[in-house]
Structure formats: structure tokens, C-alpha cells
Amino acid sequence: MGRTPCSDKEQINKKGPWSKEEDELLINYINLHGQGNWKSIPKAAGLLRCGKSCRLRWTNYLRPDLKKGNFTEEESNLIIHLHSLLGNKWSQIATSLPGRTDNEIKNYWKSHLKRYLYALGIDPVTHKPFKEDTNTTSTPPNNSMATTTSTIPRIYYFNVFLNSKVHISADDDYSADGGADSNSSSGVTIEEASPQVNLELSIAPPSQPHEDAASVKP
């Protein structure tokens, strides 16, 4: 079962947003009689609200010492410091920030300060820098080079005049014959093949028909 919104046993409790007339009734009563016992205030002030609803309305919206507007830089730094010491104890944190409510501080923490710490690389729970994670950092681990380069298309160019193979790749120490070291650091490897192909061409006239006939015996 869910928790009831009010702890007292009032039979008729109005719910929903407070009206301007209700705010004026509560303000006038507290200004004349003080806060006192919140359970007795609704009936004394002529309100069909429970004591808890009156207390929260006064504390979070109506009390005259409430600060309005955005949090200052000093307040933000103080909230971060107190959160590192107290955690999510917003009521205790609010005691160090006059004019700010615990609910207001909590909402400001979740909507602004928590994201601010994340952007700085600080864990908002421990208030310490995040540990380096090789899976999330932008620098890939050393053993990922093979995986990275394996997806890069390699270009092989065979030079028939030099009878050598030119290998262009992203890594410097790769060779096509099984990983031999390269003599170049620019990513282009020239490997001499052995033996060399003889490309010399000889040009001669065709043999005469009578010479072929003379060489054949009857």
C-alpha cells in the first residue's frame, strides 16, 4: 500500500494546486500566530488542507525569506562541496543555504550540477575523476591495431619492370609474405623478388623454307 499524503486523520482534505485565496489565508494566519503545530493550522486558518500540505506550501513557496531566481556561483560550489560530504541529504544541505529549500536544491543538482560534473569527467557520486576505461576512451588499445587495420583495404601494385612488389598499407610493419619487417617507415614497402624475370627480347627473321627442306632426308 502506498503512503498516505498526510499523517493526520482529517476527513476532508482538498487536493490539487493551491489557490491565491488559500495562500493568503495561510500567510495571514502564520503572520499573526506563528507556525506552531501544523496539524492544527488548517482548521484554525479555515483551510480544507492537511497539515503536511500547509507545511510544504509555506516552506517551499510562501515563507518570506525564500530566495528567488537562479543559483549563484557561490551557492553552486557550496552544494557540490556539501554533496561530496553528505550525499543526497538535501535537508541537511539546505540548512547551509538560507532561503533555498531542499526540494529546490535537489532539482538544481539533478538538472544542472550533476551534468556539469559529468562534463568535467568527475563521478557525481564519489566526486572523483572517472577511471580510464579502454572501452570508452578515444585512444584504441594496442591490441586493436590488427582489428583496425584489417578493415582498411590494402592496395597491391606489381611492377613488372622492376620485378618487385610495392605494398601500400596503413601499418608500417606489414608485409604480404607473412609479416616480414619493412625497410621503409612511410607505409610503402618494396620487396625484391628472386629470381628476376628475364625480359630481354630477341628479334630474328624466320627461317627459309629451302633450309628446312635441305635438312630433311628422303
Protein backbone atom coordinates (compact mmCIF):
# COMPACT_ATOMS: atom_id res chain seq x y z
CA MET A 1 0.00 0.00 0.00
CA GLY A 2 1.20 3.49 -0.80
CA ARG A 3 1.97 6.04 1.84
CA THR A 4 -0.82 8.48 2.61
CA PRO A 5 -0.04 12.12 1.80
CA CYS A 6 -0.96 13.30 5.30
CA SER A 7 -0.33 11.73 8.69
CA ASP A 8 -3.34 13.25 10.46
CA LYS A 9 -6.84 11.82 10.30
CA GLU A 10 -8.74 14.65 8.71
CA GLN A 11 -11.80 13.52 6.84
CA ILE A 12 -11.96 16.28 4.23
CA ASN A 13 -8.73 17.27 2.51
CA LYS A 14 -8.64 19.39 -0.59
CA LYS A 15 -6.05 18.31 -3.14
CA GLY A 16 -4.51 19.87 -6.18
CA PRO A 17 -2.88 23.26 -6.75
CA TRP A 18 -3.25 25.96 -4.14
CA SER A 19 -5.36 28.96 -4.99
CA LYS A 20 -4.42 32.56 -4.31
CA GLU A 21 -7.11 32.79 -1.61
CA GLU A 22 -5.71 29.75 0.19
CA ASP A 23 -2.21 31.21 0.12
CA GLU A 24 -3.49 34.44 1.65
CA LEU A 25 -5.32 32.57 4.44
CA LEU A 26 -2.18 30.63 5.34
CA ILE A 27 0.10 33.68 5.18
CA ASN A 28 -2.22 35.81 7.31
CA TYR A 29 -2.60 33.12 9.95
CA ILE A 30 1.13 32.43 10.28
CA ASN A 31 1.93 36.13 10.37
CA LEU A 32 -0.48 36.54 13.30
CA HIS A 33 0.04 33.33 15.23
CA GLY A 34 3.30 31.87 14.01
CA GLN A 35 3.80 28.37 12.68
CA GLY A 36 3.03 26.36 15.80
CA ASN A 37 1.52 22.91 15.31
CA TRP A 38 0.95 22.20 11.63
CA LYS A 39 -1.81 19.70 12.35
CA SER A 40 -3.95 22.38 13.96
CA ILE A 41 -3.19 25.16 11.47
CA PRO A 42 -5.54 24.10 8.64
CA LYS A 43 -8.66 24.18 10.80
CA ALA A 44 -7.59 27.33 12.61
CA ALA A 45 -6.81 29.09 9.33
CA GLY A 46 -10.03 27.96 7.65
CA LEU A 47 -8.31 25.69 5.13
CA LEU A 48 -9.52 22.34 3.83
CA ARG A 49 -5.96 21.09 3.61
CA CYS A 50 -3.96 18.67 5.72
CA GLY A 51 -1.18 19.85 7.98
CA LYS A 52 1.55 18.40 5.77
CA SER A 53 0.23 20.20 2.72
CA CYS A 54 0.21 23.50 4.64
CA ARG A 55 3.75 22.95 5.90
CA LEU A 56 5.15 22.18 2.45
CA ARG A 57 3.30 25.10 0.89
CA TRP A 58 4.71 27.50 3.45
CA THR A 59 8.22 26.09 3.48
CA ASN A 60 8.69 25.78 -0.27
CA TYR A 61 6.69 28.72 -1.62
CA LEU A 62 5.25 31.21 0.86
CA ARG A 63 7.78 31.96 3.58
CA PRO A 64 9.18 35.48 3.16
CA ASP A 65 12.87 34.56 3.38
CA LEU A 66 12.83 32.39 0.26
CA LYS A 67 15.32 33.34 -2.42
CA LYS A 68 14.04 33.80 -5.94
CA GLY A 69 15.93 33.36 -9.16
CA ASN A 70 18.90 31.32 -10.28
CA PHE A 71 21.53 29.87 -8.01
CA THR A 72 24.71 31.88 -7.72
CA GLU A 73 28.19 30.53 -8.41
CA GLU A 74 28.93 30.51 -4.68
CA GLU A 75 25.77 28.53 -3.98
CA SER A 76 26.60 26.03 -6.71
CA ASN A 77 30.11 25.46 -5.37
CA LEU A 78 28.74 25.05 -1.86
CA ILE A 79 26.17 22.49 -3.00
CA ILE A 80 28.86 20.46 -4.77
CA HIS A 81 31.07 20.58 -1.69
CA LEU A 82 28.28 19.62 0.70
CA HIS A 83 27.12 16.83 -1.58
CA SER A 84 30.61 15.35 -1.53
CA LEU A 85 30.35 15.22 2.27
CA LEU A 86 26.66 14.44 2.85
CA GLY A 87 25.48 12.77 -0.33
CA ASN A 88 21.78 13.12 -1.13
CA LYS A 89 20.81 14.50 2.28
CA TRP A 90 19.09 17.53 0.82
CA SER A 91 17.51 18.70 4.06
CA GLN A 92 20.90 18.95 5.74
CA ILE A 93 22.38 20.66 2.70
CA ALA A 94 19.53 23.18 2.71
CA THR A 95 20.40 24.28 6.25
CA SER A 96 23.63 25.75 4.88
CA LEU A 97 21.88 27.68 2.12
CA PRO A 98 19.47 30.20 3.67
CA GLY A 99 16.46 30.89 1.52
CA ARG A 100 16.78 27.69 -0.51
CA THR A 101 14.57 24.66 0.01
CA ASP A 102 15.70 21.06 0.00
CA ASN A 103 13.46 20.27 -2.96
CA GLU A 104 14.79 23.23 -4.90
CA ILE A 105 18.39 22.20 -4.24
CA LYS A 106 17.69 18.60 -5.24
CA ASN A 107 16.13 19.66 -8.54
CA TYR A 108 19.01 22.01 -9.27
CA TRP A 109 21.51 19.24 -8.57
CA LYS A 110 19.84 16.79 -10.93
CA SER A 111 19.20 19.27 -13.74
CA HIS A 112 22.46 21.24 -13.68
CA LEU A 113 25.24 20.34 -11.26
CA LYS A 114 25.21 16.60 -11.90
CA ARG A 115 25.56 17.15 -15.64
CA TYR A 116 28.26 19.73 -15.02
CA LEU A 117 30.37 17.19 -13.11
CA TYR A 118 29.86 14.61 -15.83
CA ALA A 119 31.13 17.10 -18.40
CA LEU A 120 34.26 17.61 -16.30
CA GLY A 121 34.88 13.87 -16.12
CA ILE A 122 34.01 13.68 -12.42
CA ASP A 123 31.80 11.00 -10.91
CA PRO A 124 28.88 12.84 -9.23
CA VAL A 125 28.58 10.05 -6.66
CA THR A 126 32.19 9.78 -5.48
CA HIS A 127 33.29 13.25 -6.65
CA LYS A 128 36.45 11.69 -8.06
CA PRO A 129 37.62 11.53 -11.69
CA PHE A 130 36.30 8.61 -13.66
CA LYS A 131 38.72 5.71 -14.05
CA GLU A 132 40.16 5.34 -17.52
CA ASP A 133 38.20 2.77 -19.46
CA THR A 134 39.82 1.39 -22.57
CA ASN A 135 36.41 0.60 -24.00
CA THR A 136 35.22 4.20 -23.81
CA THR A 137 38.37 6.24 -24.37
CA SER A 138 39.06 7.69 -27.77
CA THR A 139 42.54 6.10 -27.98
CA PRO A 140 42.24 2.47 -29.05
CA PRO A 141 44.20 -0.19 -27.14
CA ASN A 142 47.42 -1.60 -28.59
CA ASN A 143 45.90 -4.95 -29.47
CA SER A 144 43.17 -3.30 -31.51
CA MET A 145 45.56 -2.20 -34.23
CA ALA A 146 45.23 -5.50 -36.07
CA THR A 147 41.46 -5.28 -35.98
CA THR A 148 41.51 -1.68 -37.12
CA THR A 149 43.94 -2.17 -39.97
CA SER A 150 42.27 -5.38 -41.10
CA THR A 151 39.25 -3.37 -42.14
CA ILE A 152 41.33 -0.95 -44.21
CA PRO A 153 41.60 -2.07 -47.86
CA ARG A 154 45.18 -2.68 -48.92
CA ILE A 155 46.44 -1.92 -52.40
CA TYR A 156 48.96 -4.16 -54.11
CA TYR A 157 50.83 -2.98 -57.14
CA PHE A 158 53.14 -5.28 -59.12
CA ASN A 159 55.84 -3.53 -61.09
CA VAL A 160 56.87 -5.78 -63.95
CA PHE A 161 59.79 -3.62 -64.94
CA LEU A 162 61.49 -3.72 -61.53
CA ASN A 163 60.17 -7.21 -60.84
CA SER A 164 59.31 -6.02 -57.34
CA LYS A 165 56.13 -5.79 -55.36
CA VAL A 166 55.04 -2.46 -53.94
CA HIS A 167 52.78 -2.83 -50.91
CA ILE A 168 50.82 0.18 -49.67
CA SER A 169 49.10 -0.23 -46.32
CA ALA A 170 48.14 1.70 -43.20
CA ASP A 171 50.64 -0.05 -40.93
CA ASP A 172 54.41 0.13 -41.28
CA ASP A 173 55.39 -3.38 -40.28
CA TYR A 174 53.06 -5.39 -42.51
CA SER A 175 54.25 -7.45 -45.48
CA ALA A 176 52.35 -9.81 -47.75
CA ASP A 177 54.76 -12.73 -47.42
CA GLY A 178 53.82 -13.39 -43.76
CA GLY A 179 54.88 -10.38 -41.72
CA ALA A 180 58.47 -9.60 -42.78
CA ASP A 181 59.86 -6.33 -41.49
CA SER A 182 59.74 -3.36 -43.81
CA ASN A 183 62.73 -1.21 -44.83
CA SER A 184 60.57 1.89 -45.09
CA SER A 185 58.74 3.84 -42.41
CA SER A 186 56.35 5.62 -44.77
CA GLY A 187 53.90 2.78 -45.16
CA VAL A 188 55.22 1.77 -48.63
CA THR A 189 57.23 -1.45 -48.73
CA ILE A 190 59.34 -2.53 -51.67
CA GLU A 191 60.33 -6.17 -51.63
CA GLU A 192 62.78 -7.62 -54.12
CA ALA A 193 61.64 -10.90 -55.62
CA SER A 194 64.09 -13.64 -56.55
CA PRO A 195 64.89 -14.82 -59.15
CA GLN A 196 64.42 -11.89 -61.50
CA VAL A 197 62.41 -12.36 -64.65
CA ASN A 198 64.42 -12.01 -67.84
CA LEU A 199 62.55 -9.56 -70.01
CA GLU A 200 65.11 -9.47 -72.87
CA LEU A 201 63.52 -9.90 -76.27
CA SER A 202 65.35 -11.07 -79.40
CA ILE A 203 64.16 -10.28 -82.91
CA ALA A 204 65.26 -12.52 -85.84
CA PRO A 205 63.85 -13.24 -89.33
CA PRO A 206 62.01 -16.52 -89.81
CA SER A 207 63.96 -19.47 -91.19
CA GLN A 208 63.93 -20.01 -95.02
CA PRO A 209 61.82 -22.82 -96.45
CA HIS A 210 64.72 -24.27 -98.54
CA GLU A 211 66.88 -24.63 -95.46
CA ASP A 212 64.20 -26.68 -93.77
CA ALA A 213 63.77 -28.86 -96.87
CA ALA A 214 67.52 -29.49 -97.21
CA SER A 215 67.75 -30.67 -93.69
CA VAL A 216 65.08 -33.34 -94.25
CA LYS A 217 66.37 -36.62 -95.81
CA PRO A 218 64.16 -38.57 -98.22
